[in-house]
Amino acid sequence: MTNTPNTALLGSGARAFIDRRNHPMLIGGAWVDAIDGARFDVIDPADESVIASVPSAGRADVERAVQAATLAFEHGAWPNLRPAERQRLLLKLADLIERDAQVLAEIESVDNGKSAVVARAVDIALTVDFFRYMAGWATKIEGSTVDVSVPYAPGSEFFAYTRREPVGVVAAVVPWNFPLLVATWKLAPALAAGCTVVLKPAEQTPLSAIYLGRLIIEAGFPPGVVNIITGDGPNAGAPLVSHPGIHKISFTGSTEVGKLIGRAAMDNMTRVTLELGGKSPMIVLDDCDADLAAQGAANAIFFNHGQVCCAGSRLYVPKRLYDRVVDGLASHAAALPMGSGLEAQTQLGPLVSQEQLDRVCHYIELGRQQGARMLTGGARSERTGYFVQPTVFASDDESLRIVREEIFGPVVVALPYDDLDEVARRANDTPFGLGASIWSSDLSRVQRLVPKLKAGTVWVNCHSMLDPAVPFGGYKLSGFGRDMGRVSLDAYLETKSVFMKI
């Protein structure tokens, strides 16, 4: 092992950004520190080194960010901007992100631990595509005329129509697993609709949001339209989502925090979208090739090191294929190259933080204690950094905590089953309902199974595939509302009815 810091692997653009060390946050078009001067460190999970410092926003900083967004929404240039101009700005921002794709991918890698190669191919590419997709909707927001028949006004004539208007100031609170991409899911439709935004990235991964702020200014967005505050949940997040000047909250994160935000939103009757946790089943049918199923299961759980809300963490396999699929999955897991996300060959990087590492290791130990059979993995890596071995458990006990609870790491449990009705019931026996996948060439049985699964997205012969035009969100405790797709724009618009006697 070498003592060379992981950041030495950065390209010149990302290194210049990281070398600044002490970063500000963006409020009202200006780069500022926290009012009380408080800061916190940003840790590279690959080598546990401090790579940056950012402001630790408090209630007073939230107040000035909301005021800036309110001013921009009500009195600045933004309300008078034509839809075509909003479209142009969003397209310009997409171009700038595309220009700096490698820089952003490397920033995501040292901030989150993910592979820079994968971040550029997935996170950044989807970010660019989604800004461009939503830019097109800015000029297509429309109401409708309504032919009315008022029964208690005989002889009178009326003209009625609806208007779609921006909801107002948006609080966008995003998680640490896909920092830039999920921020885009909130920013793009909000801006297309004509809203202003206060964005709070996760305290573990604030750097790509700060870099995005630079590009927002370069693109020419008016001051205060997008404000970016860095801070933790209690001191920055809670005051933000409970602020009476916020008209819409969009949150992606844990179900526990989502419930708190939902309650805070109800106090102010704030519009809210919540995309929360998951425990997604991957269901292999008995006609599926065992090798294909094993590879698909590995991709479903180990992508982004298992830190995916819709990761395929429960694998259901028919008994006749069970041993072959599970053994194949264990072989794939054991062969995954582990290392820094800045190394091109890496397929499994570190978890995001010491806290997350401890959480995942705790669940692995629970699996052992509760009698699940471990086929591979099961320990923290000996290398420096927050690395944990990809872990495959086998069990037929649906009551295990590793089967019931979201782990958010590279840990999967394989469970045998007998028939389709049984597996549908077991797949749905969870408080979550974010995603599910089915693996089969028998489309007749697939089509019978899809309606039975209580999940926001059902993938067939793939898992965790996303497209800007396809809505994403969950059933049950996985939240409500949808990100992406045309439907996501509706969450940032109010419908006003106009009724005229003529």
Protein backbone atom coordinates (compact mmCIF):
# COMPACT_ATOMS: atom_id res chain seq x y z
CA MET A 1 0.00 0.00 0.00
CA THR A 2 1.10 3.59 -0.65
CA ASN A 3 0.60 6.75 1.35
CA THR A 4 -0.06 8.76 -1.81
CA PRO A 5 -3.40 10.60 -1.33
CA ASN A 6 -6.28 9.51 -3.50
CA THR A 7 -6.68 13.07 -4.81
CA ALA A 8 -3.30 12.72 -6.55
CA LEU A 9 -5.20 10.70 -9.17
CA LEU A 10 -7.45 13.65 -10.08
CA GLY A 11 -7.25 15.37 -13.42
CA SER A 12 -6.24 19.01 -13.52
CA GLY A 13 -9.78 20.44 -13.53
CA ALA A 14 -11.03 18.51 -10.51
CA ARG A 15 -7.71 19.00 -8.71
CA ALA A 16 -7.93 22.77 -9.13
CA PHE A 17 -11.40 22.71 -7.57
CA ILE A 18 -10.42 20.40 -4.69
CA ASP A 19 -7.22 22.35 -4.01
CA ARG A 20 -9.26 25.39 -3.10
CA ARG A 21 -10.01 23.48 0.12
CA ASN A 22 -12.29 26.08 1.78
CA HIS A 23 -15.44 26.35 -0.31
CA PRO A 24 -18.29 28.85 0.14
CA MET A 25 -22.02 28.36 -0.46
CA LEU A 26 -24.28 30.20 -2.89
CA ILE A 27 -26.97 32.59 -1.63
CA GLY A 28 -28.56 35.36 -3.69
CA GLY A 29 -26.00 35.02 -6.45
CA ALA A 30 -23.06 35.55 -4.05
CA TRP A 31 -20.56 33.09 -2.63
CA VAL A 32 -20.75 33.35 1.16
CA ASP A 33 -19.70 31.68 4.41
CA ALA A 34 -22.04 30.81 7.25
CA ILE A 35 -23.03 33.86 9.28
CA ASP A 36 -21.43 32.40 12.43
CA GLY A 37 -18.35 31.23 10.51
CA ALA A 38 -18.97 27.54 11.28
CA ARG A 39 -17.53 24.96 8.89
CA PHE A 40 -17.20 21.20 8.60
CA ASP A 41 -14.76 18.89 6.85
CA VAL A 42 -15.42 16.81 3.76
CA ILE A 43 -13.85 13.33 3.83
CA ASP A 44 -12.61 11.26 0.89
CA PRO A 45 -14.02 7.80 1.71
CA ALA A 46 -11.30 6.04 -0.30
CA ASP A 47 -8.49 7.06 2.09
CA GLU A 48 -10.32 8.83 4.96
CA SER A 49 -8.46 12.09 4.32
CA VAL A 50 -9.91 15.58 4.66
CA ILE A 51 -10.20 17.03 1.17
CA ALA A 52 -12.25 20.17 1.74
CA SER A 53 -14.11 22.38 4.16
CA VAL A 54 -17.57 23.88 3.57
CA PRO A 55 -19.84 26.22 5.54
CA SER A 56 -22.04 24.69 8.21
CA ALA A 57 -25.27 26.57 7.60
CA GLY A 58 -27.60 27.33 10.48
CA ARG A 59 -31.06 28.80 10.88
CA ALA A 60 -29.90 32.33 10.03
CA ASP A 61 -28.30 31.11 6.79
CA VAL A 62 -31.50 29.24 5.88
CA GLU A 63 -33.44 32.45 6.48
CA ARG A 64 -31.29 34.50 4.10
CA ALA A 65 -31.38 31.74 1.45
CA VAL A 66 -35.19 31.58 1.58
CA GLN A 67 -35.37 35.37 1.47
CA ALA A 68 -33.11 35.42 -1.59
CA ALA A 69 -35.25 32.79 -3.34
CA THR A 70 -38.43 34.65 -2.40
CA LEU A 71 -37.08 37.94 -3.73
CA ALA A 72 -36.04 36.28 -6.99
CA PHE A 73 -39.45 34.62 -7.36
CA GLU A 74 -41.59 37.65 -6.55
CA HIS A 75 -39.58 40.71 -7.56
CA GLY A 76 -36.48 39.68 -9.52
CA ALA A 77 -35.96 39.01 -13.19
CA TRP A 78 -37.18 35.41 -12.93
CA PRO A 79 -40.98 35.98 -12.84
CA ASN A 80 -40.82 38.06 -16.02
CA LEU A 81 -38.63 35.65 -17.94
CA ARG A 82 -40.36 34.09 -20.90
CA PRO A 83 -40.64 30.27 -21.02
CA ALA A 84 -38.28 30.19 -24.00
CA GLU A 85 -35.67 32.02 -21.91
CA ARG A 86 -36.00 29.48 -19.08
CA GLN A 87 -35.56 26.78 -21.70
CA ARG A 88 -32.45 28.49 -23.06
CA LEU A 89 -30.87 28.75 -19.61
CA LEU A 90 -31.54 25.09 -18.84
CA LEU A 91 -30.04 24.04 -22.16
CA LYS A 92 -27.02 26.25 -21.52
CA LEU A 93 -26.55 24.66 -18.11
CA ALA A 94 -26.75 21.20 -19.67
CA ASP A 95 -24.05 22.18 -22.16
CA LEU A 96 -21.77 23.39 -19.37
CA ILE A 97 -22.26 20.19 -17.37
CA GLU A 98 -21.45 18.19 -20.49
CA ARG A 99 -18.34 20.31 -21.02
CA ASP A 100 -17.14 19.63 -17.47
CA ALA A 101 -18.37 16.03 -17.30
CA GLN A 102 -14.99 14.55 -16.36
CA VAL A 103 -14.40 17.15 -13.67
CA LEU A 104 -17.81 16.48 -12.12
CA ALA A 105 -17.33 12.70 -12.31
CA GLU A 106 -14.02 12.95 -10.45
CA ILE A 107 -15.51 15.30 -7.84
CA GLU A 108 -18.30 12.79 -7.26
CA SER A 109 -15.71 10.04 -6.90
CA VAL A 110 -13.59 11.69 -4.20
CA ASP A 111 -16.70 13.00 -2.41
CA ASN A 112 -18.83 9.84 -2.53
CA GLY A 113 -16.41 6.99 -3.33
CA LYS A 114 -18.09 5.91 -6.55
CA SER A 115 -16.27 5.00 -9.74
CA ALA A 116 -15.48 8.10 -11.81
CA VAL A 117 -15.90 6.00 -14.97
CA VAL A 118 -19.40 4.95 -13.90
CA ALA A 119 -20.24 8.44 -12.62
CA ARG A 120 -19.45 9.94 -16.01
CA ALA A 121 -21.36 7.24 -17.91
CA VAL A 122 -24.38 7.20 -15.59
CA ASP A 123 -24.67 10.11 -13.16
CA ILE A 124 -23.35 12.90 -15.37
CA ALA A 125 -24.85 11.58 -18.61
CA LEU A 126 -28.30 11.31 -17.01
CA THR A 127 -27.87 14.77 -15.47
CA VAL A 128 -27.22 16.31 -18.88
CA ASP A 129 -30.08 14.41 -20.51
CA PHE A 130 -32.55 15.34 -17.77
CA PHE A 131 -31.79 19.05 -17.89
CA ARG A 132 -32.32 18.93 -21.66
CA TYR A 133 -35.51 16.89 -21.30
CA MET A 134 -37.02 19.28 -18.75
CA ALA A 135 -35.87 22.32 -20.73
CA GLY A 136 -38.29 21.26 -23.44
CA TRP A 137 -41.21 21.30 -21.02
CA ALA A 138 -40.61 24.94 -20.05
CA THR A 139 -42.38 26.05 -23.24
CA LYS A 140 -45.17 23.47 -23.03
CA ILE A 141 -46.86 24.37 -19.75
CA GLU A 142 -50.50 24.94 -20.58
CA GLY A 143 -53.95 25.20 -19.09
CA SER A 144 -57.26 24.40 -20.72
CA THR A 145 -60.63 25.94 -21.50
CA VAL A 146 -63.71 24.40 -19.94
CA ASP A 147 -67.30 24.44 -21.22
CA VAL A 148 -69.38 24.98 -18.10
CA SER A 149 -73.07 24.44 -17.32
CA VAL A 150 -73.97 26.26 -14.11
CA PRO A 151 -77.36 24.81 -13.07
CA TYR A 152 -78.34 27.68 -10.75
CA ALA A 153 -77.72 30.52 -13.25
CA PRO A 154 -80.13 29.91 -16.12
CA GLY A 155 -79.69 32.22 -19.04
CA SER A 156 -76.20 33.30 -18.02
CA GLU A 157 -73.09 32.62 -20.04
CA PHE A 158 -69.68 31.85 -18.62
CA PHE A 159 -66.16 31.33 -19.85
CA ALA A 160 -63.81 29.22 -17.73
CA TYR A 161 -60.20 28.24 -18.11
CA THR A 162 -57.28 26.94 -16.04
CA ARG A 163 -53.77 28.32 -15.64
CA ARG A 164 -50.68 26.40 -14.53
CA GLU A 165 -48.51 28.60 -12.31
CA PRO A 166 -45.22 27.92 -10.50
CA VAL A 167 -45.77 26.83 -6.90
CA GLY A 168 -43.14 29.24 -5.54
CA VAL A 169 -39.98 28.67 -3.51
CA VAL A 170 -38.78 25.06 -3.48
CA ALA A 171 -36.68 23.31 -0.84
CA ALA A 172 -34.69 20.54 -2.52
CA VAL A 173 -33.00 18.18 -0.08
CA VAL A 174 -30.88 15.49 -1.70
CA PRO A 175 -29.00 12.37 -0.52
CA TRP A 176 -25.37 11.37 -0.70
CA ASN A 177 -25.58 8.34 -2.99
CA PHE A 178 -26.20 10.23 -6.27
CA PRO A 179 -25.51 13.83 -5.21
CA LEU A 180 -25.55 15.60 -8.55
CA LEU A 181 -28.08 13.41 -10.33
CA VAL A 182 -30.76 13.61 -7.64
CA ALA A 183 -30.20 17.36 -7.29
CA THR A 184 -30.98 17.56 -11.01
CA TRP A 185 -34.22 15.64 -10.51
CA LYS A 186 -35.39 18.49 -8.29
CA LEU A 187 -33.76 21.51 -9.95
CA ALA A 188 -34.69 20.85 -13.57
CA PRO A 189 -38.50 20.62 -13.24
CA ALA A 190 -38.60 23.37 -10.60
CA LEU A 191 -36.72 25.78 -12.87
CA ALA A 192 -38.66 24.74 -15.96
CA ALA A 193 -41.88 25.50 -14.07
CA GLY A 194 -40.62 28.94 -13.05
CA CYS A 195 -39.92 28.23 -9.37
CA THR A 196 -36.87 29.32 -7.39
CA VAL A 197 -34.90 26.83 -5.29
CA VAL A 198 -32.94 26.43 -2.08
CA LEU A 199 -30.84 23.28 -2.58
CA LYS A 200 -29.32 21.47 0.38
CA PRO A 201 -26.95 18.64 -0.55
CA ALA A 202 -26.14 15.92 1.98
CA GLU A 203 -23.42 16.96 4.41
CA GLN A 204 -21.34 13.94 3.33
CA THR A 205 -21.28 15.01 -0.32
CA PRO A 206 -21.60 18.77 -0.85
CA LEU A 207 -18.90 19.34 -3.45
CA SER A 208 -20.66 18.60 -6.75
CA ALA A 209 -23.53 20.91 -5.73
CA ILE A 210 -21.03 23.71 -5.12
CA TYR A 211 -19.43 23.11 -8.51
CA LEU A 212 -22.91 23.05 -10.08
CA GLY A 213 -23.49 26.46 -8.50
CA ARG A 214 -20.52 27.78 -10.44
CA LEU A 215 -22.04 26.51 -13.68
CA ILE A 216 -25.45 27.98 -12.81
CA ILE A 217 -23.83 31.40 -12.47
CA GLU A 218 -21.86 30.89 -15.69
CA ALA A 219 -25.05 29.90 -17.52
CA GLY A 220 -26.59 33.27 -16.59
CA PHE A 221 -29.36 32.39 -14.14
CA PRO A 222 -30.48 35.52 -12.25
CA PRO A 223 -29.30 35.91 -8.63
CA GLY A 224 -31.36 34.03 -6.06
CA VAL A 225 -33.03 31.65 -8.51
CA VAL A 226 -30.84 28.81 -7.24
CA ASN A 227 -29.35 28.99 -3.74
CA ILE A 228 -27.10 26.25 -2.37
CA ILE A 229 -26.62 25.84 1.37
CA THR A 230 -24.31 23.27 2.95
CA GLY A 231 -25.02 21.88 6.38
CA ASP A 232 -26.38 18.97 8.37
CA GLY A 233 -29.97 17.86 8.88
CA PRO A 234 -30.72 19.31 12.35
CA ASN A 235 -29.16 22.74 11.79
CA ALA A 236 -29.88 23.37 8.12
CA GLY A 237 -32.28 20.75 6.79
CA ALA A 238 -34.91 20.97 9.54
CA PRO A 239 -35.17 24.79 9.51
CA LEU A 240 -35.38 24.71 5.72
CA VAL A 241 -38.24 22.21 5.38
CA SER A 242 -40.21 23.80 8.22
CA HIS A 243 -39.77 27.37 6.95
CA PRO A 244 -43.13 29.03 6.21
CA GLY A 245 -41.62 30.70 3.14
CA ILE A 246 -41.14 27.32 1.45
CA HIS A 247 -44.01 26.35 -0.84
CA LYS A 248 -42.78 22.97 -2.03
CA ILE A 249 -40.41 20.35 -0.57
CA SER A 250 -38.75 17.69 -2.67
CA PHE A 251 -36.79 15.19 -0.59
CA THR A 252 -34.92 12.02 -1.43
CA GLY A 253 -33.51 10.02 1.48
CA SER A 254 -34.41 7.62 4.25
CA THR A 255 -37.97 6.76 5.20
CA GLU A 256 -37.32 7.84 8.79
CA VAL A 257 -36.29 11.36 7.77
CA GLY A 258 -38.99 11.45 5.11
CA LYS A 259 -41.66 10.93 7.76
CA LEU A 260 -40.29 13.86 9.76
CA ILE A 261 -40.30 16.06 6.66
CA GLY A 262 -43.84 14.98 5.80
CA ARG A 263 -45.03 16.03 9.26
CA ALA A 264 -43.23 19.37 8.99
CA ALA A 265 -44.79 19.93 5.58
CA MET A 266 -48.29 19.33 6.94
CA ASP A 267 -47.83 22.02 9.60
CA ASN A 268 -47.46 24.62 6.84
CA MET A 269 -49.53 22.75 4.22
CA THR A 270 -46.42 22.74 2.06
CA ARG A 271 -46.55 20.67 -1.12
CA VAL A 272 -44.20 17.73 -0.79
CA THR A 273 -42.64 14.94 -2.84
CA LEU A 274 -40.85 12.14 -0.97
CA GLU A 275 -38.69 9.47 -2.60
CA LEU A 276 -37.63 7.22 0.25
CA GLY A 277 -36.16 3.83 1.10
CA GLY A 278 -36.54 0.46 -0.56
CA LYS A 279 -36.00 -3.26 -0.22
CA SER A 280 -36.46 -4.23 -3.82
CA PRO A 281 -37.03 -7.85 -4.86
CA MET A 282 -35.35 -9.41 -7.88
CA ILE A 283 -37.47 -12.36 -9.06
CA VAL A 284 -35.93 -15.04 -11.26
CA LEU A 285 -38.40 -17.27 -13.11
CA ASP A 286 -37.58 -20.92 -13.79
CA ASP A 287 -37.01 -20.42 -17.55
CA CYS A 288 -34.21 -17.90 -16.98
CA ASP A 289 -30.61 -18.84 -17.73
CA ALA A 290 -28.83 -19.30 -14.38
CA ASP A 291 -25.68 -17.46 -15.49
CA LEU A 292 -27.71 -14.51 -16.76
CA ALA A 293 -29.63 -14.41 -13.49
CA ALA A 294 -26.42 -14.46 -11.43
CA GLN A 295 -24.88 -11.63 -13.45
CA GLY A 296 -28.11 -9.63 -13.31
CA ALA A 297 -28.33 -10.09 -9.55
CA ALA A 298 -24.74 -8.90 -9.13
CA ASN A 299 -25.46 -5.77 -11.15
CA ALA A 300 -28.69 -5.15 -9.24
CA ILE A 301 -27.07 -5.19 -5.80
CA PHE A 302 -23.44 -4.16 -6.28
CA PHE A 303 -23.95 -1.14 -8.57
CA ASN A 304 -22.84 1.98 -6.66
CA HIS A 305 -21.67 -0.39 -3.90
CA GLY A 306 -25.25 -1.24 -2.98
CA GLN A 307 -25.91 2.38 -1.99
CA VAL A 308 -29.00 2.56 -4.19
CA CYS A 309 -32.54 3.00 -2.87
CA CYS A 310 -33.90 0.52 -5.43
CA ALA A 311 -31.00 -1.98 -5.20
CA GLY A 312 -32.03 -5.61 -5.73
CA SER A 313 -31.29 -6.66 -2.16
CA ARG A 314 -33.77 -9.57 -2.02
CA LEU A 315 -33.14 -12.27 -4.62
CA TYR A 316 -35.94 -14.81 -5.17
CA VAL A 317 -34.89 -17.90 -7.13
CA PRO A 318 -36.93 -21.04 -7.97
CA LYS A 319 -35.65 -24.04 -6.06
CA ARG A 320 -34.46 -25.93 -9.12
CA LEU A 321 -32.15 -23.04 -10.09
CA TYR A 322 -31.31 -21.85 -6.60
CA ASP A 323 -27.88 -23.37 -6.04
CA ARG A 324 -26.59 -22.49 -9.51
CA VAL A 325 -27.75 -18.88 -9.35
CA VAL A 326 -26.59 -18.29 -5.80
CA ASP A 327 -23.19 -19.89 -6.37
CA GLY A 328 -22.78 -17.83 -9.55
CA LEU A 329 -23.69 -14.65 -7.70
CA ALA A 330 -21.17 -15.41 -4.98
CA SER A 331 -18.48 -15.96 -7.62
CA HIS A 332 -19.27 -12.61 -9.24
CA ALA A 333 -19.12 -10.90 -5.85
CA ALA A 334 -15.78 -12.41 -4.90
CA ALA A 335 -14.24 -11.36 -8.22
CA LEU A 336 -15.22 -7.66 -8.10
CA PRO A 337 -12.11 -5.42 -8.22
CA MET A 338 -12.10 -3.17 -5.15
CA GLY A 339 -10.33 0.17 -4.96
CA SER A 340 -10.49 3.91 -5.37
CA GLY A 341 -13.17 5.20 -7.70
CA LEU A 342 -10.45 7.11 -9.55
CA GLU A 343 -8.84 3.85 -10.67
CA ALA A 344 -10.37 2.75 -13.97
CA GLN A 345 -10.54 -0.97 -13.09
CA THR A 346 -12.46 -0.44 -9.83
CA GLN A 347 -15.94 -1.93 -9.70
CA LEU A 348 -16.47 -1.70 -5.95
CA GLY A 349 -15.37 1.45 -4.18
CA PRO A 350 -15.73 2.51 -0.56
CA LEU A 351 -18.95 3.26 1.24
CA VAL A 352 -19.61 6.94 1.74
CA SER A 353 -18.70 7.32 5.42
CA GLN A 354 -17.62 5.64 8.63
CA GLU A 355 -21.24 5.81 9.79
CA GLN A 356 -22.44 3.93 6.72
CA LEU A 357 -19.63 1.39 7.02
CA ASP A 358 -20.61 0.71 10.63
CA ARG A 359 -24.26 0.33 9.63
CA VAL A 360 -23.53 -2.19 6.88
CA CYS A 361 -21.13 -4.19 9.06
CA HIS A 362 -23.76 -4.25 11.81
CA TYR A 363 -26.30 -5.80 9.43
CA ILE A 364 -23.77 -8.36 8.23
CA GLU A 365 -23.20 -9.40 11.84
CA LEU A 366 -26.96 -9.58 12.41
CA GLY A 367 -27.24 -11.92 9.42
CA ARG A 368 -24.65 -14.22 10.96
CA GLN A 369 -26.28 -14.14 14.37
CA GLN A 370 -29.74 -14.88 12.99
CA GLY A 371 -28.55 -17.94 11.10
CA ALA A 372 -28.26 -16.87 7.46
CA ARG A 373 -25.67 -18.82 5.48
CA MET A 374 -22.87 -16.58 4.22
CA LEU A 375 -21.43 -17.56 0.84
CA THR A 376 -18.89 -14.78 0.41
CA GLY A 377 -17.77 -11.49 1.91
CA GLY A 378 -18.88 -10.57 5.37
CA ALA A 379 -16.11 -8.28 6.58
CA ARG A 380 -14.57 -4.86 6.30
CA SER A 381 -11.64 -4.75 3.91
CA GLU A 382 -8.23 -4.43 5.53
CA ARG A 383 -7.28 -1.52 3.26
CA THR A 384 -7.57 2.10 4.36
CA GLY A 385 -10.92 3.61 3.53
CA TYR A 386 -14.54 2.71 4.16
CA PHE A 387 -14.44 -0.54 2.19
CA VAL A 388 -16.61 -3.58 2.92
CA GLN A 389 -16.53 -6.88 1.06
CA PRO A 390 -19.54 -7.62 -1.18
CA THR A 391 -21.60 -10.07 0.80
CA VAL A 392 -24.02 -12.81 -0.29
CA PHE A 393 -26.31 -14.54 2.20
CA ALA A 394 -28.58 -17.52 1.55
CA SER A 395 -31.66 -18.19 3.67
CA ASP A 396 -35.27 -19.33 3.56
CA ASP A 397 -36.24 -17.29 6.62
CA GLU A 398 -38.26 -14.23 5.60
CA SER A 399 -38.22 -12.83 9.13
CA LEU A 400 -34.49 -12.04 9.23
CA ARG A 401 -33.66 -8.37 9.69
CA ILE A 402 -31.33 -8.50 6.67
CA VAL A 403 -34.39 -9.52 4.63
CA ARG A 404 -36.80 -7.02 6.18
CA GLU A 405 -34.73 -3.83 6.60
CA GLU A 406 -32.91 -1.56 4.18
CA ILE A 407 -29.14 -2.02 4.54
CA PHE A 408 -27.97 0.35 1.78
CA GLY A 409 -24.77 -1.51 1.09
CA PRO A 410 -23.38 -4.42 -1.00
CA VAL A 411 -25.34 -7.10 0.87
CA VAL A 412 -27.91 -9.41 -0.74
CA VAL A 413 -30.04 -12.26 0.59
CA ALA A 414 -31.04 -15.09 -1.76
CA LEU A 415 -34.33 -16.85 -0.97
CA PRO A 416 -35.85 -19.95 -2.66
CA TYR A 417 -39.49 -20.14 -3.78
CA ASP A 418 -41.93 -22.59 -5.45
CA ASP A 419 -44.56 -20.76 -7.55
CA LEU A 420 -45.51 -17.33 -8.91
CA ASP A 421 -48.37 -16.60 -6.53
CA GLU A 422 -46.11 -17.42 -3.60
CA VAL A 423 -43.25 -15.24 -4.80
CA ALA A 424 -45.54 -12.29 -5.53
CA ARG A 425 -46.94 -12.48 -2.01
CA ARG A 426 -43.47 -12.71 -0.47
CA ALA A 427 -42.06 -9.93 -2.66
CA ASN A 428 -44.88 -7.64 -1.49
CA ASP A 429 -44.47 -8.61 2.17
CA THR A 430 -42.48 -5.48 2.97
CA PRO A 431 -43.31 -1.94 4.06
CA PHE A 432 -41.40 -0.69 1.02
CA GLY A 433 -42.41 -0.53 -2.64
CA LEU A 434 -39.84 1.33 -4.70
CA GLY A 435 -38.69 -1.13 -7.34
CA ALA A 436 -38.69 -4.76 -8.42
CA SER A 437 -37.31 -6.77 -11.32
CA ILE A 438 -38.40 -9.94 -13.11
CA TRP A 439 -36.01 -12.16 -15.06
CA SER A 440 -37.62 -14.37 -17.69
CA SER A 441 -38.20 -14.86 -21.42
CA ASP A 442 -41.79 -16.00 -20.81
CA LEU A 443 -43.57 -12.69 -21.40
CA SER A 444 -46.97 -14.21 -20.68
CA ARG A 445 -45.95 -15.05 -17.12
CA VAL A 446 -44.09 -11.75 -16.80
CA GLN A 447 -47.22 -9.81 -17.76
CA ARG A 448 -49.25 -11.76 -15.20
CA LEU A 449 -46.71 -11.04 -12.49
CA VAL A 450 -46.16 -7.30 -13.15
CA PRO A 451 -49.61 -6.15 -11.91
CA LYS A 452 -49.21 -8.19 -8.72
CA LEU A 453 -46.05 -6.38 -7.60
CA LYS A 454 -46.58 -3.33 -5.41
CA ALA A 455 -43.68 -1.24 -6.66
CA GLY A 456 -43.24 2.09 -8.39
CA THR A 457 -41.04 0.58 -11.11
CA VAL A 458 -40.88 -3.00 -12.36
CA TRP A 459 -37.91 -3.81 -14.58
CA VAL A 460 -37.88 -6.89 -16.82
CA ASN A 461 -34.51 -8.54 -17.56
CA CYS A 462 -32.73 -5.48 -16.18
CA HIS A 463 -32.59 -3.51 -12.94
CA SER A 464 -32.18 0.16 -11.97
CA MET A 465 -32.50 1.38 -15.56
CA LEU A 466 -33.54 5.06 -15.69
CA ASP A 467 -34.58 7.48 -18.41
CA PRO A 468 -35.55 11.17 -18.12
CA ALA A 469 -38.98 10.48 -19.64
CA VAL A 470 -39.90 7.65 -17.22
CA PRO A 471 -41.26 8.59 -13.76
CA PHE A 472 -39.49 7.22 -10.69
CA GLY A 473 -40.92 6.87 -7.19
CA GLY A 474 -42.47 4.42 -4.80
CA TYR A 475 -45.47 2.81 -3.16
CA LYS A 476 -46.05 2.49 0.59
CA LEU A 477 -43.15 3.65 2.81
CA SER A 478 -41.03 4.27 -0.28
CA GLY A 479 -42.74 7.64 -0.53
CA PHE A 480 -45.18 9.44 -2.76
CA GLY A 481 -44.95 11.64 -5.81
CA ARG A 482 -42.60 11.03 -8.70
CA ASP A 483 -39.28 12.37 -9.93
CA MET A 484 -38.47 12.43 -13.65
CA GLY A 485 -40.90 12.23 -16.52
CA ARG A 486 -43.60 14.72 -17.50
CA VAL A 487 -45.44 14.01 -14.26
CA SER A 488 -42.59 15.44 -12.17
CA LEU A 489 -43.29 18.91 -13.59
CA ASP A 490 -46.80 18.86 -12.12
CA ALA A 491 -45.37 18.77 -8.60
CA TYR A 492 -43.95 22.28 -9.12
CA LEU A 493 -47.13 23.79 -10.58
CA GLU A 494 -50.40 24.98 -9.08
CA THR A 495 -53.65 24.86 -11.05
CA LYS A 496 -55.67 28.09 -10.94
CA SER A 497 -59.24 28.10 -12.20
CA VAL A 498 -60.63 31.28 -13.77
CA PHE A 499 -64.42 31.67 -14.06
CA MET A 500 -65.82 34.63 -16.01
CA LYS A 501 -69.39 35.72 -16.60
CA ILE A 502 -69.75 37.13 -20.11
